PDB file of N, CA and C in Angstrom:
ATOM      1  N   MET A   1    -251.929 -12.601-145.112  1.00  0.00           N
ATOM      2  CA  MET A   1    -251.426 -13.811-145.723  1.00  0.00           C
ATOM      3  C   MET A   1    -250.224 -13.460-146.596  1.00  0.00           C
ATOM      4  N   LYS A   2    -249.125 -14.190-146.418  1.00  0.00           N
ATOM      5  CA  LYS A   2    -247.904 -13.952-147.170  1.00  0.00           C
ATOM      6  C   LYS A   2    -247.981 -14.651-148.517  1.00  0.00           C
ATOM      7  N   SER A   3    -247.394 -13.987-149.473  1.00  0.00           N
ATOM      8  CA  SER A   3    -247.382 -14.592-150.811  1.00  0.00           C
ATOM      9  C   SER A   3    -246.323 -15.695-150.853  1.00  0.00           C
ATOM     10  N   GLN A   4    -246.379 -16.443-151.890  1.00  0.00           N
ATOM     11  CA  GLN A   4    -245.441 -17.562-152.029  1.00  0.00           C
ATOM     12  C   GLN A   4    -244.011 -17.046-152.186  1.00  0.00           C
ATOM     13  N   ARG A   5    -243.857 -15.930-152.829  1.00  0.00           N
ATOM     14  CA  ARG A   5    -242.528 -15.342-153.011  1.00  0.00           C
ATOM     15  C   ARG A   5    -241.936 -14.939-151.669  1.00  0.00           C
ATOM     16  N   GLU A   6    -242.707 -14.288-150.835  1.00  0.00           N
ATOM     17  CA  GLU A   6    -242.237 -13.862-149.519  1.00  0.00           C
ATOM     18  C   GLU A   6    -241.875 -15.062-148.654  1.00  0.00           C
ATOM     19  N   GLU A   7    -242.643 -16.135-148.761  1.00  0.00           N
ATOM     20  CA  GLU A   7    -242.332 -17.344-148.003  1.00  0.00           C
ATOM     21  C   GLU A   7    -241.008 -17.954-148.456  1.00  0.00           C
ATOM     22  N   GLU A   8    -240.759 -17.953-149.750  1.00  0.00           N
ATOM     23  CA  GLU A   8    -239.492 -18.482-150.270  1.00  0.00           C
ATOM     24  C   GLU A   8    -238.315 -17.635-149.790  1.00  0.00           C
ATOM     25  N   VAL A   9    -238.499 -16.308-149.760  1.00  0.00           N
ATOM     26  CA  VAL A   9    -237.444 -15.430-149.285  1.00  0.00           C
ATOM     27  C   VAL A   9    -237.161 -15.702-147.817  1.00  0.00           C
ATOM     28  N   GLU A  10    -238.183 -15.838-147.001  1.00  0.00           N
ATOM     29  CA  GLU A  10    -238.013 -16.125-145.570  1.00  0.00           C
ATOM     30  C   GLU A  10    -237.309 -17.460-145.368  1.00  0.00           C
ATOM     31  N   LYS A  11    -237.713 -18.455-146.121  1.00  0.00           N
ATOM     32  CA  LYS A  11    -237.109 -19.785-145.998  1.00  0.00           C
ATOM     33  C   LYS A  11    -235.616 -19.726-146.370  1.00  0.00           C
ATOM     34  N   THR A  12    -235.281 -18.966-147.408  1.00  0.00           N
ATOM     35  CA  THR A  12    -233.884 -18.826-147.832  1.00  0.00           C
ATOM     36  C   THR A  12    -233.072 -18.113-146.767  1.00  0.00           C
ATOM     37  N   LEU A  13    -233.621 -17.061-146.192  1.00  0.00           N
ATOM     38  CA  LEU A  13    -232.897 -16.319-145.160  1.00  0.00           C
ATOM     39  C   LEU A  13    -232.697 -17.170-143.913  1.00  0.00           C
ATOM     40  N   ARG A  14    -233.651 -17.992-143.556  1.00  0.00           N
ATOM     41  CA  ARG A  14    -233.493 -18.868-142.393  1.00  0.00           C
ATOM     42  C   ARG A  14    -232.435 -19.939-142.644  1.00  0.00           C
ATOM     43  N   SER A  15    -232.275 -20.371-143.871  1.00  0.00           N
ATOM     44  CA  SER A  15    -231.271 -21.402-144.157  1.00  0.00           C
ATOM     45  C   SER A  15    -229.855 -20.842-144.031  1.00  0.00           C
ATOM     46  N   ILE A  16    -229.676 -19.539-144.180  1.00  0.00           N
ATOM     47  CA  ILE A  16    -228.367 -18.916-144.066  1.00  0.00           C
ATOM     48  C   ILE A  16    -227.951 -18.749-142.610  1.00  0.00           C
ATOM     49  N   ASP A  17    -228.881 -18.709-141.690  1.00  0.00           N
ATOM     50  CA  ASP A  17    -228.589 -18.430-140.283  1.00  0.00           C
ATOM     51  C   ASP A  17    -227.571 -19.399-139.674  1.00  0.00           C
ATOM     52  N   GLY A  18    -227.570 -20.617-140.053  1.00  0.00           N
ATOM     53  CA  GLY A  18    -226.693 -21.605-139.430  1.00  0.00           C
ATOM     54  C   GLY A  18    -225.300 -21.670-140.037  1.00  0.00           C
ATOM     55  N   LEU A  19    -225.022 -20.904-141.066  1.00  0.00           N
ATOM     56  CA  LEU A  19    -223.720 -20.983-141.727  1.00  0.00           C
ATOM     57  C   LEU A  19    -222.648 -20.258-140.918  1.00  0.00           C
ATOM     58  N   GLU A  20    -221.442 -20.798-140.973  1.00  0.00           N
ATOM     59  CA  GLU A  20    -220.299 -20.158-140.331  1.00  0.00           C
ATOM     60  C   GLU A  20    -219.491 -19.421-141.400  1.00  0.00           C
ATOM     61  N   ARG A  21    -218.670 -18.522-140.928  1.00  0.00           N
ATOM     62  CA  ARG A  21    -217.824 -17.777-141.836  1.00  0.00           C
ATOM     63  C   ARG A  21    -216.759 -18.702-142.438  1.00  0.00           C
ATOM     64  N   ALA A  22    -216.552 -18.569-143.745  1.00  0.00           N
ATOM     65  CA  ALA A  22    -215.554 -19.406-144.423  1.00  0.00           C
ATOM     66  C   ALA A  22    -214.159 -18.873-144.149  1.00  0.00           C
ATOM     67  N   ASN A  23    -213.252 -19.763-143.820  1.00  0.00           N
ATOM     68  CA  ASN A  23    -211.863 -19.385-143.566  1.00  0.00           C
ATOM     69  C   ASN A  23    -211.001 -19.886-144.717  1.00  0.00           C
ATOM     70  N   PRO A  24    -210.191 -19.002-145.293  1.00  0.00           N
ATOM     71  CA  PRO A  24    -209.337 -19.441-146.405  1.00  0.00           C
ATOM     72  C   PRO A  24    -208.155 -20.248-145.896  1.00  0.00           C
ATOM     73  N   ASN A  25    -207.502 -20.882-146.813  1.00  0.00           N
ATOM     74  CA  ASN A  25    -206.282 -21.615-146.527  1.00  0.00           C
ATOM     75  C   ASN A  25    -205.273 -20.632-145.909  1.00  0.00           C
ATOM     76  N   PRO A  26    -204.505 -21.017-144.919  1.00  0.00           N
ATOM     77  CA  PRO A  26    -203.574 -20.080-144.272  1.00  0.00           C
ATOM     78  C   PRO A  26    -202.538 -19.487-145.229  1.00  0.00           C
ATOM     79  N   PHE A  27    -202.217 -20.173-146.292  1.00  0.00           N
ATOM     80  CA  PHE A  27    -201.214 -19.690-147.232  1.00  0.00           C
ATOM     81  C   PHE A  27    -201.823 -18.918-148.396  1.00  0.00           C
ATOM     82  N   PHE A  28    -203.140 -18.727-148.387  1.00  0.00           N
ATOM     83  CA  PHE A  28    -203.827 -18.063-149.489  1.00  0.00           C
ATOM     84  C   PHE A  28    -203.349 -16.621-149.674  1.00  0.00           C
ATOM     85  N   SER A  29    -203.329 -15.860-148.615  1.00  0.00           N
ATOM     86  CA  SER A  29    -202.926 -14.445-148.740  1.00  0.00           C
ATOM     87  C   SER A  29    -201.469 -14.322-149.158  1.00  0.00           C
ATOM     88  N   THR A  30    -200.625 -15.237-148.689  1.00  0.00           N
ATOM     89  CA  THR A  30    -199.208 -15.203-149.071  1.00  0.00           C
ATOM     90  C   THR A  30    -199.058 -15.458-150.565  1.00  0.00           C
ATOM     91  N   ARG A  31    -199.808 -16.417-151.082  1.00  0.00           N
ATOM     92  CA  ARG A  31    -199.729 -16.725-152.502  1.00  0.00           C
ATOM     93  C   ARG A  31    -200.266 -15.570-153.353  1.00  0.00           C
ATOM     94  N   VAL A  32    -201.346 -14.938-152.903  1.00  0.00           N
ATOM     95  CA  VAL A  32    -201.901 -13.806-153.644  1.00  0.00           C
ATOM     96  C   VAL A  32    -200.902 -12.654-153.667  1.00  0.00           C
ATOM     97  N   GLU A  33    -200.292 -12.349-152.544  1.00  0.00           N
ATOM     98  CA  GLU A  33    -199.303 -11.271-152.488  1.00  0.00           C
ATOM     99  C   GLU A  33    -198.102 -11.573-153.383  1.00  0.00           C
ATOM    100  N   ALA A  34    -197.639 -12.824-153.365  1.00  0.00           N
ATOM    101  CA  ALA A  34    -196.501 -13.200-154.202  1.00  0.00           C
ATOM    102  C   ALA A  34    -196.855 -13.072-155.679  1.00  0.00           C
ATOM    103  N   HIS A  35    -198.051 -13.470-156.036  1.00  0.00           N
ATOM    104  CA  HIS A  35    -198.490 -13.373-157.430  1.00  0.00           C
ATOM    105  C   HIS A  35    -198.564 -11.904-157.862  1.00  0.00           C
ATOM    106  N   LEU A  36    -199.106 -11.046-157.021  1.00  0.00           N
ATOM    107  CA  LEU A  36    -199.192  -9.625-157.351  1.00  0.00           C
ATOM    108  C   LEU A  36    -197.811  -8.989-157.458  1.00  0.00           C
ATOM    109  N   ARG A  37    -196.910  -9.368-156.562  1.00  0.00           N
ATOM    110  CA  ARG A  37    -195.553  -8.845-156.600  1.00  0.00           C
ATOM    111  C   ARG A  37    -194.846  -9.267-157.891  1.00  0.00           C
ATOM    112  N   GLN A  38    -195.028 -10.531-158.279  1.00  0.00           N
ATOM    113  CA  GLN A  38    -194.417 -11.034-159.504  1.00  0.00           C
ATOM    114  C   GLN A  38    -194.984 -10.307-160.718  1.00  0.00           C
ATOM    115  N   ARG A  39    -196.258 -10.052-160.715  1.00  0.00           N
ATOM    116  CA  ARG A  39    -196.901  -9.361-161.821  1.00  0.00           C
ATOM    117  C   ARG A  39    -196.373  -7.934-161.967  1.00  0.00           C
ATOM    118  N   LEU A  40    -196.145  -7.269-160.850  1.00  0.00           N
ATOM    119  CA  LEU A  40    -195.648  -5.892-160.896  1.00  0.00           C
ATOM    120  C   LEU A  40    -194.209  -5.824-161.386  1.00  0.00           C
ATOM    121  N   THR A  41    -193.381  -6.777-160.997  1.00  0.00           N
ATOM    122  CA  THR A  41    -191.975  -6.728-161.394  1.00  0.00           C
ATOM    123  C   THR A  41    -191.753  -7.211-162.815  1.00  0.00           C
ATOM    124  N   SER A  42    -192.530  -8.171-163.281  1.00  0.00           N
ATOM    125  CA  SER A  42    -192.283  -8.744-164.602  1.00  0.00           C
ATOM    126  C   SER A  42    -192.910  -7.933-165.724  1.00  0.00           C
ATOM    127  N   ALA A  43    -193.960  -7.211-165.470  1.00  0.00           N
ATOM    128  CA  ALA A  43    -194.662  -6.491-166.535  1.00  0.00           C
ATOM    129  C   ALA A  43    -194.415  -4.996-166.436  1.00  0.00           C
ATOM    130  N   THR A  44    -193.170  -4.604-166.660  1.00  0.00           N
ATOM    131  CA  THR A  44    -192.886  -3.179-166.676  1.00  0.00           C
ATOM    132  C   THR A  44    -193.342  -2.608-168.013  1.00  0.00           C
ATOM    133  N   PRO A  45    -193.671  -1.341-168.065  1.00  0.00           N
ATOM    134  CA  PRO A  45    -194.200  -0.769-169.299  1.00  0.00           C
ATOM    135  C   PRO A  45    -193.211  -0.737-170.460  1.00  0.00           C
ATOM    136  N   THR A  46    -191.918  -0.777-170.190  1.00  0.00           N
ATOM    137  CA  THR A  46    -190.941  -0.703-171.269  1.00  0.00           C
ATOM    138  C   THR A  46    -190.450  -2.074-171.732  1.00  0.00           C
ATOM    139  N   THR A  47    -191.021  -3.139-171.261  1.00  0.00           N
ATOM    140  CA  THR A  47    -190.566  -4.477-171.642  1.00  0.00           C
ATOM    141  C   THR A  47    -190.753  -4.717-173.137  1.00  0.00           C
ATOM    142  N   TRP A  48    -191.841  -4.237-173.716  1.00  0.00           N
ATOM    143  CA  TRP A  48    -192.126  -4.484-175.131  1.00  0.00           C
ATOM    144  C   TRP A  48    -191.142  -3.757-176.040  1.00  0.00           C
ATOM    145  N   VAL A  49    -190.501  -2.724-175.555  1.00  0.00           N
ATOM    146  CA  VAL A  49    -189.592  -1.942-176.388  1.00  0.00           C
ATOM    147  C   VAL A  49    -188.361  -2.758-176.768  1.00  0.00           C
ATOM    148  N   PHE A  50    -187.914  -3.638-175.909  1.00  0.00           N
ATOM    149  CA  PHE A  50    -186.676  -4.364-176.130  1.00  0.00           C
ATOM    150  C   PHE A  50    -186.876  -5.711-176.818  1.00  0.00           C
ATOM    151  N   ARG A  51    -188.058  -5.980-177.299  1.00  0.00           N
ATOM    152  CA  ARG A  51    -188.271  -7.214-178.051  1.00  0.00           C
ATOM    153  C   ARG A  51    -187.611  -7.079-179.412  1.00  0.00           C
ATOM    154  N   PRO A  52    -187.050  -8.159-179.949  1.00  0.00           N
ATOM    155  CA  PRO A  52    -186.294  -8.073-181.204  1.00  0.00           C
ATOM    156  C   PRO A  52    -187.094  -7.490-182.372  1.00  0.00           C
ATOM    157  N   ALA A  53    -188.362  -7.814-182.469  1.00  0.00           N
ATOM    158  CA  ALA A  53    -189.151  -7.295-183.588  1.00  0.00           C
ATOM    159  C   ALA A  53    -189.252  -5.773-183.522  1.00  0.00           C
ATOM    160  N   TRP A  54    -189.446  -5.224-182.340  1.00  0.00           N
ATOM    161  CA  TRP A  54    -189.550  -3.769-182.199  1.00  0.00           C
ATOM    162  C   TRP A  54    -188.200  -3.102-182.437  1.00  0.00           C
ATOM    163  N   VAL A  55    -187.135  -3.748-182.013  1.00  0.00           N
ATOM    164  CA  VAL A  55    -185.800  -3.174-182.214  1.00  0.00           C
ATOM    165  C   VAL A  55    -185.490  -3.112-183.706  1.00  0.00           C
ATOM    166  N   VAL A  56    -185.757  -4.205-184.424  1.00  0.00           N
ATOM    167  CA  VAL A  56    -185.485  -4.245-185.863  1.00  0.00           C
ATOM    168  C   VAL A  56    -186.359  -3.222-186.595  1.00  0.00           C
ATOM    169  N   ALA A  57    -187.619  -3.146-186.224  1.00  0.00           N
ATOM    170  CA  ALA A  57    -188.516  -2.186-186.876  1.00  0.00           C
ATOM    171  C   ALA A  57    -188.070  -0.746-186.611  1.00  0.00           C
ATOM    172  N   SER A  58    -187.662  -0.459-185.402  1.00  0.00           N
ATOM    173  CA  SER A  58    -187.202   0.893-185.066  1.00  0.00           C
ATOM    174  C   SER A  58    -185.931   1.246-185.829  1.00  0.00           C
ATOM    175  N   LEU A  59    -184.987   0.333-185.870  1.00  0.00           N
ATOM    176  CA  LEU A  59    -183.752   0.593-186.607  1.00  0.00           C
ATOM    177  C   LEU A  59    -184.016   0.764-188.102  1.00  0.00           C
ATOM    178  N   GLY A  60    -184.924  -0.036-188.634  1.00  0.00           N
ATOM    179  CA  GLY A  60    -185.294   0.107-190.049  1.00  0.00           C
ATOM    180  C   GLY A  60    -185.908   1.470-190.330  1.00  0.00           C
ATOM    181  N   LEU A  61    -186.762   1.934-189.441  1.00  0.00           N
ATOM    182  CA  LEU A  61    -187.382   3.251-189.608  1.00  0.00           C
ATOM    183  C   LEU A  61    -186.343   4.361-189.558  1.00  0.00           C
ATOM    184  N   VAL A  62    -185.417   4.264-188.628  1.00  0.00           N
ATOM    185  CA  VAL A  62    -184.353   5.267-188.528  1.00  0.00           C
ATOM    186  C   VAL A  62    -183.492   5.250-189.793  1.00  0.00           C
ATOM    187  N   LEU A  63    -183.182   4.076-190.304  1.00  0.00           N
ATOM    188  CA  LEU A  63    -182.383   3.962-191.522  1.00  0.00           C
ATOM    189  C   LEU A  63    -183.104   4.587-192.713  1.00  0.00           C
ATOM    190  N   VAL A  64    -184.380   4.304-192.870  1.00  0.00           N
ATOM    191  CA  VAL A  64    -185.153   4.867-193.981  1.00  0.00           C
ATOM    192  C   VAL A  64    -185.220   6.385-193.872  1.00  0.00           C
ATOM    193  N   LEU A  65    -185.433   6.905-192.678  1.00  0.00           N
ATOM    194  CA  LEU A  65    -185.485   8.354-192.498  1.00  0.00           C
ATOM    195  C   LEU A  65    -184.144   9.004-192.818  1.00  0.00           C
ATOM    196  N   ASN A  66    -183.055   8.386-192.395  1.00  0.00           N
ATOM    197  CA  ASN A  66    -181.733   8.941-192.690  1.00  0.00           C
ATOM    198  C   ASN A  66    -181.439   8.918-194.193  1.00  0.00           C
ATOM    199  N   LEU A  67    -181.770   7.823-194.851  1.00  0.00           N
ATOM    200  CA  LEU A  67    -181.535   7.742-196.295  1.00  0.00           C
ATOM    201  C   LEU A  67    -182.367   8.772-197.054  1.00  0.00           C
ATOM    202  N   SER A  68    -183.606   8.957-196.644  1.00  0.00           N
ATOM    203  CA  SER A  68    -184.437   9.960-197.323  1.00  0.00           C
ATOM    204  C   SER A  68    -183.897  11.365-197.093  1.00  0.00           C
ATOM    205  N   ALA A  69    -183.348  11.634-195.929  1.00  0.00           N
ATOM    206  CA  ALA A  69    -182.747  12.944-195.665  1.00  0.00           C
ATOM    207  C   ALA A  69    -181.514  13.151-196.541  1.00  0.00           C
ATOM    208  N   VAL A  70    -180.690  12.137-196.714  1.00  0.00           N
ATOM    209  CA  VAL A  70    -179.495  12.239-197.557  1.00  0.00           C
ATOM    210  C   VAL A  70    -179.897  12.503-199.008  1.00  0.00           C
ATOM    211  N   VAL A  71    -180.883  11.784-199.498  1.00  0.00           N
ATOM    212  CA  VAL A  71    -181.342  11.973-200.877  1.00  0.00           C
ATOM    213  C   VAL A  71    -181.892  13.383-201.060  1.00  0.00           C
ATOM    214  N   TYR A  72    -182.641  13.859-200.116  1.00  0.00           N
ATOM    215  CA  TYR A  72    -183.213  15.205-200.198  1.00  0.00           C
ATOM    216  C   TYR A  72    -182.121  16.269-200.241  1.00  0.00           C
ATOM    217  N   VAL A  73    -181.122  16.138-199.391  1.00  0.00           N
ATOM    218  CA  VAL A  73    -180.027  17.112-199.354  1.00  0.00           C
ATOM    219  C   VAL A  73    -179.241  17.085-200.662  1.00  0.00           C
ATOM    220  N   ARG A  74    -178.986  15.916-201.212  1.00  0.00           N
ATOM    221  CA  ARG A  74    -178.264  15.822-202.487  1.00  0.00           C
ATOM    222  C   ARG A  74    -179.038  16.488-203.615  1.00  0.00           C
ATOM    223  N   GLU A  75    -180.358  16.283-203.648  1.00  0.00           N
ATOM    224  CA  GLU A  75    -181.175  16.926-204.682  1.00  0.00           C
ATOM    225  C   GLU A  75    -181.142  18.441-204.533  1.00  0.00           C
ATOM    226  N   GLN A  76    -181.195  18.922-203.304  1.00  0.00           N
ATOM    227  CA  GLN A  76    -181.134  20.361-203.080  1.00  0.00           C
ATOM    228  C   GLN A  76    -179.783  20.923-203.520  1.00  0.00           C
ATOM    229  N   MET A  77    -178.716  20.213-203.225  1.00  0.00           N
ATOM    230  CA  MET A  77    -177.385  20.672-203.627  1.00  0.00           C
ATOM    231  C   MET A  77    -177.257  20.694-205.148  1.00  0.00           C
ATOM    232  N   ALA A  78    -177.805  19.693-205.828  1.00  0.00           N
ATOM    233  CA  ALA A  78    -177.744  19.652-207.295  1.00  0.00           C
ATOM    234  C   ALA A  78    -178.522  20.820-207.885  1.00  0.00           C
ATOM    235  N   ARG A  79    -179.688  21.134-207.340  1.00  0.00           N
ATOM    236  CA  ARG A  79    -180.474  22.272-207.820  1.00  0.00           C
ATOM    237  C   ARG A  79    -179.720  23.578-207.610  1.00  0.00           C
ATOM    238  N   ASP A  80    -179.118  23.735-206.436  1.00  0.00           N
ATOM    239  CA  ASP A  80    -178.364  24.957-206.145  1.00  0.00           C
ATOM    240  C   ASP A  80    -177.185  25.118-207.105  1.00  0.00           C
ATOM    241  N   GLU A  81    -176.493  24.023-207.410  1.00  0.00           N
ATOM    242  CA  GLU A  81    -175.368  24.085-208.344  1.00  0.00           C
ATOM    243  C   GLU A  81    -175.831  24.470-209.738  1.00  0.00           C
ATOM    244  N   GLN A  82    -176.965  23.932-210.176  1.00  0.00           N
ATOM    245  CA  GLN A  82    -177.496  24.275-211.497  1.00  0.00           C
ATOM    246  C   GLN A  82    -177.879  25.753-211.560  1.00  0.00           C
ATOM    247  N   GLU A  83    -178.472  26.253-210.483  1.00  0.00           N
ATOM    248  CA  GLU A  83    -178.850  27.665-210.459  1.00  0.00           C
ATOM    249  C   GLU A  83    -177.610  28.557-210.470  1.00  0.00           C
ATOM    250  N   GLN A  84    -176.589  28.150-209.748  1.00  0.00           N
ATOM    251  CA  GLN A  84    -175.356  28.935-209.726  1.00  0.00           C
ATOM    252  C   GLN A  84    -174.691  28.946-211.103  1.00  0.00           C
ATOM    253  N   GLU A  85    -174.689  27.819-211.784  1.00  0.00           N
ATOM    254  CA  GLU A  85    -174.109  27.746-213.124  1.00  0.00           C
ATOM    255  C   GLU A  85    -174.889  28.610-214.094  1.00  0.00           C
ATOM    256  N   ALA A  86    -176.218  28.574-213.958  1.00  0.00           N
ATOM    257  CA  ALA A  86    -177.056  29.353-214.870  1.00  0.00           C
ATOM    258  C   ALA A  86    -176.856  30.850-214.667  1.00  0.00           C
ATOM    259  N   THR A  87    -176.576  31.277-213.468  1.00  0.00           N
ATOM    260  CA  THR A  87    -176.381  32.704-213.222  1.00  0.00           C
ATOM    261  C   THR A  87    -174.936  33.142-213.435  1.00  0.00           C
ATOM    262  N   SER A  88    -173.979  32.267-213.221  1.00  0.00           N
ATOM    263  CA  SER A  88    -172.574  32.668-213.354  1.00  0.00           C
ATOM    264  C   SER A  88    -172.061  32.580-214.787  1.00  0.00           C
ATOM    265  N   LEU A  89    -172.595  31.717-215.601  1.00  0.00           N
ATOM    266  CA  LEU A  89    -172.121  31.542-216.974  1.00  0.00           C
ATOM    267  C   LEU A  89    -172.291  32.814-217.810  1.00  0.00           C
ATOM    268  N   PRO A  90    -173.453  33.455-217.798  1.00  0.00           N
ATOM    269  CA  PRO A  90    -173.592  34.679-218.598  1.00  0.00           C
ATOM    270  C   PRO A  90    -172.663  35.796-218.133  1.00  0.00           C
ATOM    271  N   SER A  91    -172.445  35.914-216.834  1.00  0.00           N
ATOM    272  CA  SER A  91    -171.559  36.979-216.363  1.00  0.00           C
ATOM    273  C   SER A  91    -170.108  36.698-216.734  1.00  0.00           C
ATOM    274  N   GLU A  92    -169.715  35.444-216.815  1.00  0.00           N
ATOM    275  CA  GLU A  92    -168.352  35.091-217.203  1.00  0.00           C
ATOM    276  C   GLU A  92    -168.097  35.407-218.677  1.00  0.00           C
ATOM    277  N   TRP A  93    -169.086  35.188-219.509  1.00  0.00           N
ATOM    278  CA  TRP A  93    -168.936  35.393-220.946  1.00  0.00           C
ATOM    279  C   TRP A  93    -169.299  36.820-221.370  1.00  0.00           C
ATOM    280  N   GLY A  94    -169.846  37.591-220.469  1.00  0.00           N
ATOM    281  CA  GLY A  94    -170.107  38.988-220.735  1.00  0.00           C
ATOM    282  C   GLY A  94    -171.342  39.261-221.551  1.00  0.00           C
ATOM    283  N   PHE A  95    -172.362  38.481-221.394  1.00  0.00           N
ATOM    284  CA  PHE A  95    -173.608  38.795-222.085  1.00  0.00           C
ATOM    285  C   PHE A  95    -174.764  38.736-221.116  1.00  0.00           C
ATOM    286  N   ASP A  96    -175.850  39.395-221.486  1.00  0.00           N
ATOM    287  CA  ASP A  96    -177.034  39.473-220.639  1.00  0.00           C
ATOM    288  C   ASP A  96    -177.886  38.232-220.874  1.00  0.00           C
ATOM    289  N   ALA A  97    -178.239  37.564-219.822  1.00  0.00           N
ATOM    290  CA  ALA A  97    -178.995  36.305-219.955  1.00  0.00           C
ATOM    291  C   ALA A  97    -180.439  36.570-220.319  1.00  0.00           C
ATOM    292  N   ASN A  98    -180.930  37.775-220.086  1.00  0.00           N
ATOM    293  CA  ASN A  98    -182.326  38.067-220.376  1.00  0.00           C
ATOM    294  C   ASN A  98    -182.558  38.439-221.825  1.00  0.00           C
ATOM    295  N   VAL A  99    -181.550  38.848-222.524  1.00  0.00           N
ATOM    296  CA  VAL A  99    -181.689  39.269-223.913  1.00  0.00           C
ATOM    297  C   VAL A  99    -181.215  38.140-224.810  1.00  0.00           C
ATOM    298  N   LEU A 100    -182.064  37.769-225.723  1.00  0.00           N
ATOM    299  CA  LEU A 100    -181.719  36.712-226.659  1.00  0.00           C
ATOM    300  C   LEU A 100    -181.507  37.329-228.044  1.00  0.00           C
ATOM    301  N   ASP A 101    -180.296  37.455-228.477  1.00  0.00           N
ATOM    302  CA  ASP A 101    -179.977  37.983-229.798  1.00  0.00           C
ATOM    303  C   ASP A 101    -179.596  36.812-230.686  1.00  0.00           C
ATOM    304  N   TRP A 102    -180.461  36.485-231.555  1.00  0.00           N
ATOM    305  CA  TRP A 102    -180.154  35.373-232.426  1.00  0.00           C
ATOM    306  C   TRP A 102    -179.740  35.889-233.723  1.00  0.00           C
TER     307      TRP A 102
END
C-alpha cells in the first residue's frame, strides 16, 4: 500500500507528462545579447576614475602632499643654515665654541 505522500508525488509527475517545451519569444536571445554587450561596454573598470568628485579629490590630495613636501624642505634648510651659522661663527671670530670663558 502506497502512502499518501507517494500518491501525491505520482499524481504530480503524471500531470507533467502532457506539458510541451516552452519556446521563448524569437527576439529574446537578441535582446539578452544586446543587453550583455551594452553592460560590458558601458561599465569599464576605469569609469569611476574620471568622475568630477574623484578628480577633485585626487588633485586636492596631490596639492596637499606637494605643499607638505615644500614646508618640510624649507624647515630642513632653515635648520641646516642655523647649524652652519653656529659652527662658522666661532671659527670666524677665533674662539673655541666649547670653552666658555666668562
